Protein backbone atom coordinates (compact mmCIF):
# COMPACT_ATOMS: atom_id res chain seq x y z
CA MET A 1 10.51 -14.33 7.80
CA LEU A 2 11.32 -11.91 10.60
CA VAL A 3 9.85 -8.54 9.66
CA ASP A 4 7.01 -7.63 7.33
CA SER A 5 9.06 -5.15 5.35
CA ASP A 6 7.92 -6.39 1.95
CA ARG A 7 4.33 -5.37 2.39
CA ILE A 8 5.32 -1.86 3.41
CA SER A 9 7.72 -1.50 0.50
CA LEU A 10 5.30 -3.05 -1.99
CA ARG A 11 2.49 -0.72 -0.92
CA ILE A 12 4.70 2.28 -1.61
CA GLN A 13 5.96 0.68 -4.80
CA ALA A 14 2.38 0.24 -6.00
CA GLU A 15 1.64 3.91 -5.32
CA ARG A 16 4.71 4.97 -7.30
CA LEU A 17 3.95 2.60 -10.16
CA ARG A 18 0.45 4.00 -10.47
CA ALA A 19 1.99 7.47 -10.67
CA LEU A 20 3.98 6.19 -13.67
CA GLY A 21 0.74 5.13 -15.33
CA LEU A 22 0.84 1.40 -14.52
CA ASP A 23 -2.59 0.06 -13.57
CA ILE A 24 -1.75 -2.05 -10.52
CA SER A 25 -3.37 -2.40 -7.10
CA ASP A 26 -1.54 -2.88 -3.81
CA GLU A 27 -2.73 -6.49 -3.76
CA GLU A 28 -1.52 -7.13 -7.31
CA CYS A 29 1.86 -5.66 -6.45
CA VAL A 30 2.19 -8.10 -3.53
CA ARG A 31 1.03 -10.98 -5.72
CA ASP A 32 3.45 -10.21 -8.54
CA PHE A 33 6.55 -8.98 -6.70
CA LEU A 34 6.59 -10.49 -3.19
CA GLY A 35 9.98 -12.06 -2.60
CA LEU A 36 11.56 -10.74 -5.80
CA GLY A 37 14.58 -8.49 -5.71
CA MET A 38 14.54 -5.08 -7.36
CA PRO A 39 16.42 -6.13 -10.53
CA GLU A 40 13.72 -8.70 -11.40
CA THR A 41 10.96 -6.33 -10.34
CA LEU A 42 12.29 -3.55 -12.58
CA ARG A 43 12.54 -5.91 -15.55
CA ILE A 44 8.88 -6.85 -15.16
CA VAL A 45 7.76 -3.27 -14.54
CA GLU A 46 9.62 -1.90 -17.55
CA ASP A 47 8.22 -4.66 -19.74
CA ARG A 48 4.70 -3.74 -18.67
CA LEU A 49 5.31 -0.03 -19.08
CA GLY A 50 6.99 -0.49 -22.42
CA HIS A 51 9.87 1.78 -21.41
CA ALA A 52 12.44 2.30 -18.67
CA VAL A 53 11.46 3.92 -15.40
CA PRO A 54 12.64 7.54 -15.08
CA VAL A 55 16.21 8.19 -14.00
CA GLY A 56 16.36 8.28 -10.20
CA TRP A 57 13.00 6.52 -9.75
CA GLU A 58 14.49 3.51 -7.93
CA GLU A 59 16.52 5.74 -5.61
CA MET A 60 13.48 7.89 -4.73
CA LEU A 61 11.47 4.75 -4.08
CA GLY A 62 14.21 3.55 -1.73
CA VAL A 63 14.13 6.79 0.25
CA ALA A 64 10.34 6.64 0.59
CA VAL A 65 10.47 3.02 1.69
CA GLN A 66 13.19 3.69 4.27
CA ARG A 67 11.13 6.52 5.76
CA ALA A 68 8.12 4.23 5.96
CA PHE A 69 10.18 1.52 7.67
CA ILE A 70 11.24 4.01 10.34
CA ARG A 71 7.61 4.99 10.92
CA GLU A 72 5.89 1.62 10.63
CA LEU A 73 8.13 -1.45 10.66
CA THR A 74 7.64 -4.06 13.37
CA ALA A 75 8.79 -7.63 13.84
CA VAL A 76 6.44 -10.43 12.84
CA PRO A 77 4.26 -11.14 15.90
CA GLY A 78 5.80 -13.84 18.07
CA VAL A 79 9.05 -14.15 16.14
CA ALA A 80 11.32 -12.97 18.97
CA ALA A 81 9.84 -15.52 21.38
CA ALA A 82 10.07 -18.25 18.74
CA LEU A 83 13.75 -17.48 18.11
CA THR A 84 14.44 -17.75 21.84
CA GLU A 85 12.92 -21.25 21.87
CA ILE A 86 14.80 -22.52 18.82
CA ALA A 87 18.02 -24.27 19.82
CA ALA A 88 19.41 -24.78 16.30
CA PRO A 89 21.61 -22.12 14.65
CA VAL A 90 19.62 -19.55 12.67
CA CYS A 91 20.52 -17.10 9.92
CA VAL A 92 18.92 -14.60 7.54
CA ALA A 93 19.12 -15.09 3.76
CA SER A 94 17.44 -12.25 1.91
CA ASN A 95 16.99 -10.94 -1.61
CA GLY A 96 17.51 -7.53 -0.04
CA SER A 97 20.84 -5.81 0.42
CA HIS A 98 22.95 -6.01 3.57
CA ALA A 99 22.10 -2.37 4.23
CA LYS A 100 18.38 -3.13 4.12
CA MET A 101 18.78 -6.11 6.45
CA ARG A 102 20.80 -4.08 8.94
CA LEU A 103 18.16 -1.35 8.92
CA THR A 104 15.10 -3.57 9.26
CA LEU A 105 16.62 -5.84 11.91
CA ALA A 106 17.95 -2.89 13.90
CA LEU A 107 14.56 -1.14 13.81
CA THR A 108 12.87 -4.26 15.16
CA GLY A 109 15.48 -5.19 17.77
CA LEU A 110 16.51 -8.42 16.05
CA GLN A 111 19.90 -7.55 14.59
CA ALA A 112 22.02 -8.85 17.48
CA ARG A 113 20.49 -12.31 17.09
CA PHE A 114 21.99 -12.63 13.60
CA ALA A 115 25.43 -11.06 13.94
CA GLY A 116 27.73 -12.70 11.40
CA ARG A 117 24.86 -14.75 9.97
CA MET A 118 23.22 -12.38 7.50
CA PHE A 119 23.33 -13.30 3.81
CA SER A 120 22.25 -11.22 0.80
CA ARG A 121 21.75 -11.92 -2.89
CA ASP A 122 24.72 -9.59 -3.31
CA ASP A 123 26.91 -12.32 -1.79
CA VAL A 124 26.12 -14.63 -4.73
CA GLY A 125 26.50 -12.23 -7.63
CA GLY A 126 22.89 -11.10 -7.53
CA ARG A 127 21.46 -14.59 -8.12
CA GLY A 128 18.76 -14.38 -5.51
CA LYS A 129 15.55 -16.33 -5.04
CA PRO A 130 14.05 -18.23 -6.82
CA GLU A 131 17.57 -19.46 -7.67
CA PRO A 132 19.00 -21.68 -4.90
CA ASP A 133 22.42 -19.96 -4.77
CA LEU A 134 21.69 -17.77 -1.75
CA PHE A 135 20.52 -20.62 0.45
CA VAL A 136 23.33 -22.91 -0.69
CA HIS A 137 25.87 -20.18 0.10
CA ALA A 138 24.41 -19.57 3.56
CA ALA A 139 24.49 -23.29 4.40
CA ALA A 140 28.04 -23.70 3.12
CA THR A 141 29.26 -20.68 5.09
CA LEU A 142 27.73 -22.07 8.27
CA GLY A 143 29.00 -25.59 7.55
CA VAL A 144 25.56 -27.21 7.47
CA PRO A 145 24.53 -29.70 4.74
CA PRO A 146 21.52 -28.44 2.74
CA ALA A 147 19.51 -31.53 3.64
CA GLU A 148 19.76 -30.53 7.32
CA CYS A 149 18.51 -26.97 6.72
CA VAL A 150 14.99 -25.66 7.11
CA VAL A 151 13.94 -22.49 5.32
CA VAL A 152 11.05 -20.36 6.57
CA GLU A 153 9.51 -18.30 3.77
CA ASP A 154 6.39 -16.28 3.06
CA SER A 155 6.74 -16.09 -0.72
CA PRO A 156 6.41 -18.62 -3.54
CA VAL A 157 9.84 -17.66 -4.93
CA GLY A 158 11.42 -18.31 -1.54
CA ILE A 159 9.79 -21.74 -1.31
CA GLU A 160 10.99 -22.51 -4.85
CA ALA A 161 14.55 -21.51 -3.94
CA ALA A 162 14.55 -23.65 -0.81
CA ARG A 163 13.32 -26.72 -2.65
CA ALA A 164 15.87 -26.17 -5.43
CA ALA A 165 18.59 -25.99 -2.76
CA GLY A 166 17.53 -29.38 -1.39
CA MET A 167 16.22 -27.90 1.85
CA ARG A 168 13.02 -28.42 3.78
CA ALA A 169 10.68 -25.46 3.33
CA LEU A 170 8.10 -24.13 5.77
CA GLY A 171 5.64 -21.55 4.49
CA TYR A 172 4.59 -18.77 6.85
CA ALA A 173 1.06 -17.76 5.91
CA GLY A 174 0.69 -14.91 8.37
CA GLY A 175 0.04 -12.52 5.51
CA THR A 176 0.28 -14.74 2.42
CA PRO A 177 -2.66 -16.91 1.28
CA PRO A 178 -1.74 -20.50 2.22
CA GLU A 179 -2.49 -21.76 -1.28
CA ARG A 180 0.35 -19.59 -2.64
CA LEU A 181 2.74 -21.57 -0.43
CA ALA A 182 1.54 -24.96 -1.63
CA GLY A 183 5.05 -26.02 -2.61
CA ALA A 184 6.21 -25.96 1.02
CA ASP A 185 6.66 -29.04 3.17
CA GLY A 186 4.36 -27.45 5.72
CA VAL A 187 2.41 -24.23 6.14
CA PHE A 188 1.77 -22.41 9.42
CA THR A 189 0.08 -19.16 10.42
CA SER A 190 1.56 -18.30 13.83
CA MET A 191 5.21 -17.97 14.82
CA SER A 192 4.35 -19.73 18.08
CA GLU A 193 4.09 -22.93 15.98
CA LEU A 194 7.61 -22.64 14.55
CA PRO A 195 9.71 -24.16 17.39
CA ARG A 196 7.51 -27.24 17.40
CA LEU A 197 7.68 -27.58 13.60
CA LEU A 198 11.46 -27.35 13.68
CA GLY A 199 11.70 -29.81 16.54
CA GLY A 200 9.64 -32.30 14.59
């Protein structure tokens, strides 16, 4: 949980879904789709609509989201300082594409911290969270047993994936209601708490 890109993209997604005739609020879009990749999101959306989204809709959404990232995206408050304090190796494992990760981390000045340690659902044949494959792949690539890994997540599907991978899960409730992260081993609300939680 490094940048709050999901809430920007989900806000724009909600706007575009309403334009298609789907009755959904920004808050409902976050509730239903936070942490999911686009393939799963589209399956749910098309089921609710009763038909496929128009040709080119996903691509136009991506352009709008990228423009919003450039205008608005920032790092999660305190995450850069927390990363500096953490002595253990860190990586990023995202349901997003490598291109999205490169963009969001570059825009927020965090990319250099994760060079060679960025993992996407695309690396595991599209089997992203809530499946454990992405986290298992990241741990194996870095040579760390799953039981020694800690995953920091802000979505229920991310917590589910971490637990399925046999990893400790910490839920970041900076923008997610803590009760939605009830499956985590611990829940925190400020990145300043993270180094201590990892040390413990």
